[in-house]
Amino acid sequence: MDADELKRINEQQAKEIRDLKEKLSKMEQLSSEVIWTLSGAIDAKDSYTSGHSRRVAEYTWKLSKKLGKSKEEQKKNYYVGLLHDIGKIGVPDGILNKTGRLTDEEFAVIKGHPDLGEEILVTITLIDDITVGAKWHHERYDGTGYPDRLKGEEIPELARIIAVADAYDAMTSTRSYRGALPQEVVRQEIEKGKGTQFDPVIADKMIELIDEDVNYEMHE
């Protein structure tokens, strides 16, 4: 093989690599746009939790960083956090936005959203663990959560991270029945939930984030 032929082959291979990178970049952009669209559709259903999915994703990213995850894993966890409540798309607006106490039947409908979320996301293969947050973010470390009553490390780590992020946002956001809680009260609740509602290690990382947030900027 002469030098000109070798040069032609190298140029062709370089072009193929550039084309592949461009296609992958476009696929990633499309995936990101679809995920943002879906998360916006979730939040639009609930007038009292606008921006909830985005904030949970941000707190999931911050916790993942605190836990020493790679940048690639932090990014993936962010996207999974964005879609943790996707199953609420199937919950009737009248139940989701009810200001009074839910009946047992209505709460049963709410408790079905993790399974529905898994069903919606299971066919998406571009992001690893895409169903984990939607399926298990309401599991509790002591095994009393739902839908599967998983306990401790039976719960996937990402779901344990999102569970803390989700609870933090619930406490620091305005709801139909109360305003955002004071930072010290939120800190106490995270501390109190260690080992029962929350993974103790992840809860401690959340407390670190709270203590670093001296001006209480990390809220709705």
C-alpha atoms as a PDB file:
ATOM      1  CA  MET A   1       0.000   0.000   0.000  1.00  0.00           C
ATOM      2  CA  ASP A   2       1.528   3.295  -1.105  1.00  0.00           C
ATOM      3  CA  ALA A   3       1.468   6.538   0.890  1.00  0.00           C
ATOM      4  CA  ASP A   4      -1.392   8.083  -1.103  1.00  0.00           C
ATOM      5  CA  GLU A   5      -3.615   5.058  -0.546  1.00  0.00           C
ATOM      6  CA  LEU A   6      -2.839   5.022   3.180  1.00  0.00           C
ATOM      7  CA  LYS A   7      -3.622   8.756   3.374  1.00  0.00           C
ATOM      8  CA  ARG A   8      -6.960   8.188   1.602  1.00  0.00           C
ATOM      9  CA  ILE A   9      -7.921   5.403   4.017  1.00  0.00           C
ATOM     10  CA  ASN A  10      -6.985   7.502   7.052  1.00  0.00           C
ATOM     11  CA  GLU A  11      -9.007  10.449   5.752  1.00  0.00           C
ATOM     12  CA  GLN A  12     -12.013   8.191   5.133  1.00  0.00           C
ATOM     13  CA  GLN A  13     -11.791   6.725   8.639  1.00  0.00           C
ATOM     14  CA  ALA A  14     -11.478  10.203  10.145  1.00  0.00           C
ATOM     15  CA  LYS A  15     -14.592  11.310   8.230  1.00  0.00           C
ATOM     16  CA  GLU A  16     -16.544   8.261   9.434  1.00  0.00           C
ATOM     17  CA  ILE A  17     -15.548   9.004  13.025  1.00  0.00           C
ATOM     18  CA  ARG A  18     -16.626  12.662  12.651  1.00  0.00           C
ATOM     19  CA  ASP A  19     -19.955  11.579  11.145  1.00  0.00           C
ATOM     20  CA  LEU A  20     -20.531   9.091  13.963  1.00  0.00           C
ATOM     21  CA  LYS A  21     -19.753  11.703  16.617  1.00  0.00           C
ATOM     22  CA  GLU A  22     -22.145  14.127  14.934  1.00  0.00           C
ATOM     23  CA  LYS A  23     -24.923  11.512  14.889  1.00  0.00           C
ATOM     24  CA  LEU A  24     -24.339  10.657  18.546  1.00  0.00           C
ATOM     25  CA  SER A  25     -24.391  14.348  19.451  1.00  0.00           C
ATOM     26  CA  LYS A  26     -27.697  14.822  17.654  1.00  0.00           C
ATOM     27  CA  MET A  27     -29.156  11.743  19.373  1.00  0.00           C
ATOM     28  CA  GLU A  28     -28.076  13.080  22.762  1.00  0.00           C
ATOM     29  CA  GLN A  29     -29.589  16.485  21.992  1.00  0.00           C
ATOM     30  CA  LEU A  30     -32.852  14.869  20.911  1.00  0.00           C
ATOM     31  CA  SER A  31     -32.939  12.729  24.041  1.00  0.00           C
ATOM     32  CA  SER A  32     -32.327  15.794  26.203  1.00  0.00           C
ATOM     33  CA  GLU A  33     -35.098  17.751  24.466  1.00  0.00           C
ATOM     34  CA  VAL A  34     -37.567  14.873  24.848  1.00  0.00           C
ATOM     35  CA  ILE A  35     -36.736  14.483  28.535  1.00  0.00           C
ATOM     36  CA  TRP A  36     -37.186  18.218  29.176  1.00  0.00           C
ATOM     37  CA  THR A  37     -40.495  18.159  27.314  1.00  0.00           C
ATOM     38  CA  LEU A  38     -41.744  15.216  29.360  1.00  0.00           C
ATOM     39  CA  SER A  39     -40.663  16.759  32.662  1.00  0.00           C
ATOM     40  CA  GLY A  40     -42.427  19.993  31.715  1.00  0.00           C
ATOM     41  CA  ALA A  41     -45.596  18.043  30.951  1.00  0.00           C
ATOM     42  CA  ILE A  42     -45.444  16.457  34.410  1.00  0.00           C
ATOM     43  CA  ASP A  43     -45.063  19.752  36.251  1.00  0.00           C
ATOM     44  CA  ALA A  44     -47.791  21.390  34.158  1.00  0.00           C
ATOM     45  CA  LYS A  45     -50.331  18.943  35.595  1.00  0.00           C
ATOM     46  CA  ASP A  46     -49.758  20.067  39.171  1.00  0.00           C
ATOM     47  CA  SER A  47     -50.333  23.769  39.787  1.00  0.00           C
ATOM     48  CA  TYR A  48     -48.627  23.616  43.188  1.00  0.00           C
ATOM     49  CA  THR A  49     -45.381  21.910  42.157  1.00  0.00           C
ATOM     50  CA  SER A  50     -44.263  23.841  39.075  1.00  0.00           C
ATOM     51  CA  GLY A  51     -40.532  23.331  38.616  1.00  0.00           C
ATOM     52  CA  HIS A  52     -40.484  20.349  40.996  1.00  0.00           C
ATOM     53  CA  SER A  53     -38.921  17.939  38.479  1.00  0.00           C
ATOM     54  CA  ARG A  54     -36.158  20.388  37.592  1.00  0.00           C
ATOM     55  CA  ARG A  55     -35.327  21.082  41.236  1.00  0.00           C
ATOM     56  CA  VAL A  56     -35.301  17.387  42.145  1.00  0.00           C
ATOM     57  CA  ALA A  57     -32.962  16.791  39.209  1.00  0.00           C
ATOM     58  CA  GLU A  58     -30.662  19.585  40.429  1.00  0.00           C
ATOM     59  CA  TYR A  59     -30.582  18.219  43.981  1.00  0.00           C
ATOM     60  CA  THR A  60     -29.987  14.712  42.607  1.00  0.00           C
ATOM     61  CA  TRP A  61     -27.027  16.070  40.645  1.00  0.00           C
ATOM     62  CA  LYS A  62     -25.636  17.894  43.706  1.00  0.00           C
ATOM     63  CA  LEU A  63     -25.963  14.751  45.851  1.00  0.00           C
ATOM     64  CA  SER A  64     -24.366  12.605  43.144  1.00  0.00           C
ATOM     65  CA  LYS A  65     -21.426  15.013  43.045  1.00  0.00           C
ATOM     66  CA  LYS A  66     -21.149  14.897  46.848  1.00  0.00           C
ATOM     67  CA  LEU A  67     -21.101  11.100  46.669  1.00  0.00           C
ATOM     68  CA  GLY A  68     -18.142  11.179  44.285  1.00  0.00           C
ATOM     69  CA  LYS A  69     -19.928  10.029  41.146  1.00  0.00           C
ATOM     70  CA  SER A  70     -18.269  10.628  37.780  1.00  0.00           C
ATOM     71  CA  LYS A  71     -19.406  13.572  35.667  1.00  0.00           C
ATOM     72  CA  GLU A  72     -21.052  11.169  33.241  1.00  0.00           C
ATOM     73  CA  GLU A  73     -22.996   9.498  36.061  1.00  0.00           C
ATOM     74  CA  GLN A  74     -23.947  12.879  37.533  1.00  0.00           C
ATOM     75  CA  LYS A  75     -25.397  13.833  34.160  1.00  0.00           C
ATOM     76  CA  LYS A  76     -27.297  10.575  33.830  1.00  0.00           C
ATOM     77  CA  ASN A  77     -28.662  10.867  37.359  1.00  0.00           C
ATOM     78  CA  TYR A  78     -29.836  14.392  36.571  1.00  0.00           C
ATOM     79  CA  TYR A  79     -31.916  13.118  33.654  1.00  0.00           C
ATOM     80  CA  VAL A  80     -33.352  10.260  35.716  1.00  0.00           C
ATOM     81  CA  GLY A  81     -34.272  12.792  38.404  1.00  0.00           C
ATOM     82  CA  LEU A  82     -36.083  14.915  35.826  1.00  0.00           C
ATOM     83  CA  LEU A  83     -38.365  11.986  35.017  1.00  0.00           C
ATOM     84  CA  HIS A  84     -38.944  10.601  38.523  1.00  0.00           C
ATOM     85  CA  ASP A  85     -42.599  11.734  38.555  1.00  0.00           C
ATOM     86  CA  ILE A  86     -43.467  10.810  34.950  1.00  0.00           C
ATOM     87  CA  GLY A  87     -46.128   8.388  36.227  1.00  0.00           C
ATOM     88  CA  LYS A  88     -48.194  11.327  37.506  1.00  0.00           C
ATOM     89  CA  ILE A  89     -49.204  11.935  33.901  1.00  0.00           C
ATOM     90  CA  GLY A  90     -51.692   9.127  34.476  1.00  0.00           C
ATOM     91  CA  VAL A  91     -53.136  10.583  37.698  1.00  0.00           C
ATOM     92  CA  PRO A  92     -56.382  12.561  37.195  1.00  0.00           C
ATOM     93  CA  ASP A  93     -55.934  16.309  37.681  1.00  0.00           C
ATOM     94  CA  GLY A  94     -58.757  16.375  40.238  1.00  0.00           C
ATOM     95  CA  ILE A  95     -56.769  14.075  42.513  1.00  0.00           C
ATOM     96  CA  LEU A  96     -53.364  15.590  41.831  1.00  0.00           C
ATOM     97  CA  ASN A  97     -54.536  19.145  42.557  1.00  0.00           C
ATOM     98  CA  LYS A  98     -56.943  18.379  45.377  1.00  0.00           C
ATOM     99  CA  THR A  99     -56.423  20.804  48.262  1.00  0.00           C
ATOM    100  CA  GLY A 100     -58.219  18.750  50.897  1.00  0.00           C
ATOM    101  CA  ARG A 101     -57.430  15.366  52.384  1.00  0.00           C
ATOM    102  CA  LEU A 102     -57.300  12.487  49.917  1.00  0.00           C
ATOM    103  CA  THR A 103     -59.638   9.549  50.373  1.00  0.00           C
ATOM    104  CA  ASP A 104     -58.128   6.072  50.653  1.00  0.00           C
ATOM    105  CA  GLU A 105     -59.218   5.396  47.073  1.00  0.00           C
ATOM    106  CA  GLU A 106     -57.616   8.612  45.808  1.00  0.00           C
ATOM    107  CA  PHE A 107     -54.380   7.882  47.649  1.00  0.00           C
ATOM    108  CA  ALA A 108     -54.344   4.411  46.089  1.00  0.00           C
ATOM    109  CA  VAL A 109     -54.448   6.095  42.676  1.00  0.00           C
ATOM    110  CA  ILE A 110     -51.541   8.353  43.656  1.00  0.00           C
ATOM    111  CA  LYS A 111     -49.571   5.321  44.862  1.00  0.00           C
ATOM    112  CA  GLY A 112     -49.917   3.779  41.422  1.00  0.00           C
ATOM    113  CA  HIS A 113     -47.751   6.422  39.742  1.00  0.00           C
ATOM    114  CA  PRO A 114     -44.392   4.654  40.320  1.00  0.00           C
ATOM    115  CA  ASP A 115     -45.537   1.537  38.459  1.00  0.00           C
ATOM    116  CA  LEU A 116     -47.011   3.647  35.677  1.00  0.00           C
ATOM    117  CA  GLY A 117     -43.795   5.628  35.463  1.00  0.00           C
ATOM    118  CA  GLU A 118     -41.826   2.430  34.961  1.00  0.00           C
ATOM    119  CA  GLU A 119     -44.224   1.322  32.225  1.00  0.00           C
ATOM    120  CA  ILE A 120     -43.813   4.633  30.395  1.00  0.00           C
ATOM    121  CA  LEU A 121     -40.009   4.660  30.552  1.00  0.00           C
ATOM    122  CA  VAL A 122     -39.151   0.984  30.147  1.00  0.00           C
ATOM    123  CA  THR A 123     -38.830   1.188  26.349  1.00  0.00           C
ATOM    124  CA  ILE A 124     -36.245   4.006  26.528  1.00  0.00           C
ATOM    125  CA  THR A 125     -32.809   2.419  26.218  1.00  0.00           C
ATOM    126  CA  LEU A 126     -30.512   5.400  25.590  1.00  0.00           C
ATOM    127  CA  ILE A 127     -30.137   6.169  29.318  1.00  0.00           C
ATOM    128  CA  ASP A 128     -29.153   3.495  31.839  1.00  0.00           C
ATOM    129  CA  ASP A 129     -31.394   3.110  34.896  1.00  0.00           C
ATOM    130  CA  ILE A 130     -34.011   5.416  33.338  1.00  0.00           C
ATOM    131  CA  THR A 131     -36.838   3.633  35.184  1.00  0.00           C
ATOM    132  CA  VAL A 132     -35.153   3.517  38.603  1.00  0.00           C
ATOM    133  CA  GLY A 133     -36.186   6.948  39.847  1.00  0.00           C
ATOM    134  CA  ALA A 134     -39.768   6.692  38.623  1.00  0.00           C
ATOM    135  CA  LYS A 135     -40.242   3.200  40.060  1.00  0.00           C
ATOM    136  CA  TRP A 136     -38.653   3.408  43.509  1.00  0.00           C
ATOM    137  CA  HIS A 137     -38.370   7.044  44.685  1.00  0.00           C
ATOM    138  CA  HIS A 138     -41.118   6.402  47.281  1.00  0.00           C
ATOM    139  CA  GLU A 139     -39.398   3.406  48.848  1.00  0.00           C
ATOM    140  CA  ARG A 140     -38.179   3.990  52.397  1.00  0.00           C
ATOM    141  CA  TYR A 141     -34.922   2.795  53.893  1.00  0.00           C
ATOM    142  CA  ASP A 142     -36.770   0.930  56.654  1.00  0.00           C
ATOM    143  CA  GLY A 143     -38.882  -1.021  54.149  1.00  0.00           C
ATOM    144  CA  THR A 144     -42.223   0.715  54.733  1.00  0.00           C
ATOM    145  CA  GLY A 145     -42.396   2.575  51.417  1.00  0.00           C
ATOM    146  CA  TYR A 146     -44.075   1.710  48.129  1.00  0.00           C
ATOM    147  CA  PRO A 147     -44.627   0.144  45.654  1.00  0.00           C
ATOM    148  CA  ASP A 148     -42.428  -2.862  46.562  1.00  0.00           C
ATOM    149  CA  ARG A 149     -41.520  -2.265  50.227  1.00  0.00           C
ATOM    150  CA  LEU A 150     -37.819  -2.589  49.420  1.00  0.00           C
ATOM    151  CA  LYS A 151     -35.467  -2.116  52.360  1.00  0.00           C
ATOM    152  CA  GLY A 152     -31.995  -0.634  52.781  1.00  0.00           C
ATOM    153  CA  GLU A 153     -29.647  -1.436  49.918  1.00  0.00           C
ATOM    154  CA  GLU A 154     -32.340  -3.476  48.186  1.00  0.00           C
ATOM    155  CA  ILE A 155     -33.394  -0.047  46.937  1.00  0.00           C
ATOM    156  CA  PRO A 156     -31.173   1.001  44.012  1.00  0.00           C
ATOM    157  CA  GLU A 157     -28.759   3.731  45.086  1.00  0.00           C
ATOM    158  CA  LEU A 158     -30.052   6.204  42.510  1.00  0.00           C
ATOM    159  CA  ALA A 159     -33.590   5.778  43.833  1.00  0.00           C
ATOM    160  CA  ARG A 160     -32.279   6.419  47.353  1.00  0.00           C
ATOM    161  CA  ILE A 161     -30.617   9.612  46.123  1.00  0.00           C
ATOM    162  CA  ILE A 162     -33.768  10.811  44.375  1.00  0.00           C
ATOM    163  CA  ALA A 163     -35.863   9.979  47.451  1.00  0.00           C
ATOM    164  CA  VAL A 164     -33.823  12.447  49.518  1.00  0.00           C
ATOM    165  CA  ALA A 165     -33.876  15.071  46.760  1.00  0.00           C
ATOM    166  CA  ASP A 166     -37.638  14.661  46.335  1.00  0.00           C
ATOM    167  CA  ALA A 167     -38.354  14.963  50.050  1.00  0.00           C
ATOM    168  CA  TYR A 168     -36.100  18.014  50.346  1.00  0.00           C
ATOM    169  CA  ASP A 169     -37.938  19.786  47.533  1.00  0.00           C
ATOM    170  CA  ALA A 170     -41.318  18.883  49.015  1.00  0.00           C
ATOM    171  CA  MET A 171     -40.320  20.558  52.271  1.00  0.00           C
ATOM    172  CA  THR A 172     -38.745  23.637  50.684  1.00  0.00           C
ATOM    173  CA  SER A 173     -41.589  24.365  48.248  1.00  0.00           C
ATOM    174  CA  THR A 174     -44.973  26.017  48.655  1.00  0.00           C
ATOM    175  CA  ARG A 175     -47.777  23.485  48.729  1.00  0.00           C
ATOM    176  CA  SER A 176     -51.565  23.861  48.687  1.00  0.00           C
ATOM    177  CA  TYR A 177     -51.674  23.357  52.457  1.00  0.00           C
ATOM    178  CA  ARG A 178     -48.551  25.281  53.615  1.00  0.00           C
ATOM    179  CA  GLY A 179     -45.626  27.451  52.610  1.00  0.00           C
ATOM    180  CA  ALA A 180     -41.999  26.389  52.318  1.00  0.00           C
ATOM    181  CA  LEU A 181     -40.571  25.230  55.644  1.00  0.00           C
ATOM    182  CA  PRO A 182     -37.735  27.107  57.375  1.00  0.00           C
ATOM    183  CA  GLN A 183     -34.282  25.736  56.578  1.00  0.00           C
ATOM    184  CA  GLU A 184     -33.599  24.601  60.136  1.00  0.00           C
ATOM    185  CA  VAL A 185     -36.861  22.632  60.228  1.00  0.00           C
ATOM    186  CA  VAL A 186     -35.947  20.967  56.921  1.00  0.00           C
ATOM    187  CA  ARG A 187     -32.514  20.062  58.286  1.00  0.00           C
ATOM    188  CA  GLN A 188     -34.086  18.538  61.385  1.00  0.00           C
ATOM    189  CA  GLU A 189     -36.485  16.473  59.287  1.00  0.00           C
ATOM    190  CA  ILE A 190     -33.667  15.117  57.109  1.00  0.00           C
ATOM    191  CA  GLU A 191     -31.706  14.271  60.258  1.00  0.00           C
ATOM    192  CA  LYS A 192     -34.741  12.612  61.840  1.00  0.00           C
ATOM    193  CA  GLY A 193     -35.357  10.517  58.730  1.00  0.00           C
ATOM    194  CA  LYS A 194     -31.897   8.927  58.673  1.00  0.00           C
ATOM    195  CA  GLY A 195     -32.198   5.138  58.734  1.00  0.00           C
ATOM    196  CA  THR A 196     -35.993   5.192  58.529  1.00  0.00           C
ATOM    197  CA  GLN A 197     -37.081   7.209  55.508  1.00  0.00           C
ATOM    198  CA  PHE A 198     -33.612   7.908  54.116  1.00  0.00           C
ATOM    199  CA  ASP A 199     -30.302   6.193  53.469  1.00  0.00           C
ATOM    200  CA  PRO A 200     -28.141   7.630  56.297  1.00  0.00           C
ATOM    201  CA  VAL A 201     -25.120   8.269  54.060  1.00  0.00           C
ATOM    202  CA  ILE A 202     -27.161  10.154  51.460  1.00  0.00           C
ATOM    203  CA  ALA A 203     -29.047  12.056  54.156  1.00  0.00           C
ATOM    204  CA  ASP A 204     -25.720  13.194  55.613  1.00  0.00           C
ATOM    205  CA  LYS A 205     -24.694  14.501  52.176  1.00  0.00           C
ATOM    206  CA  MET A 206     -27.972  16.424  51.983  1.00  0.00           C
ATOM    207  CA  ILE A 207     -27.265  17.919  55.392  1.00  0.00           C
ATOM    208  CA  GLU A 208     -23.842  18.989  54.126  1.00  0.00           C
ATOM    209  CA  LEU A 209     -25.533  20.777  51.222  1.00  0.00           C
ATOM    210  CA  ILE A 210     -27.950  22.453  53.619  1.00  0.00           C
ATOM    211  CA  ASP A 211     -25.125  23.636  55.871  1.00  0.00           C
ATOM    212  CA  GLU A 212     -23.254  25.039  52.868  1.00  0.00           C
ATOM    213  CA  ASP A 213     -26.377  26.935  51.763  1.00  0.00           C
ATOM    214  CA  VAL A 214     -25.949  29.698  54.334  1.00  0.00           C
ATOM    215  CA  ASN A 215     -28.381  32.073  52.604  1.00  0.00           C
ATOM    216  CA  TYR A 216     -31.036  29.393  52.070  1.00  0.00           C
ATOM    217  CA  GLU A 217     -30.985  29.789  48.295  1.00  0.00           C
ATOM    218  CA  MET A 218     -31.704  26.111  47.657  1.00  0.00           C
ATOM    219  CA  HIS A 219     -35.480  26.187  47.592  1.00  0.00           C
ATOM    220  CA  GLU A 220     -38.411  26.874  45.272  1.00  0.00           C
END
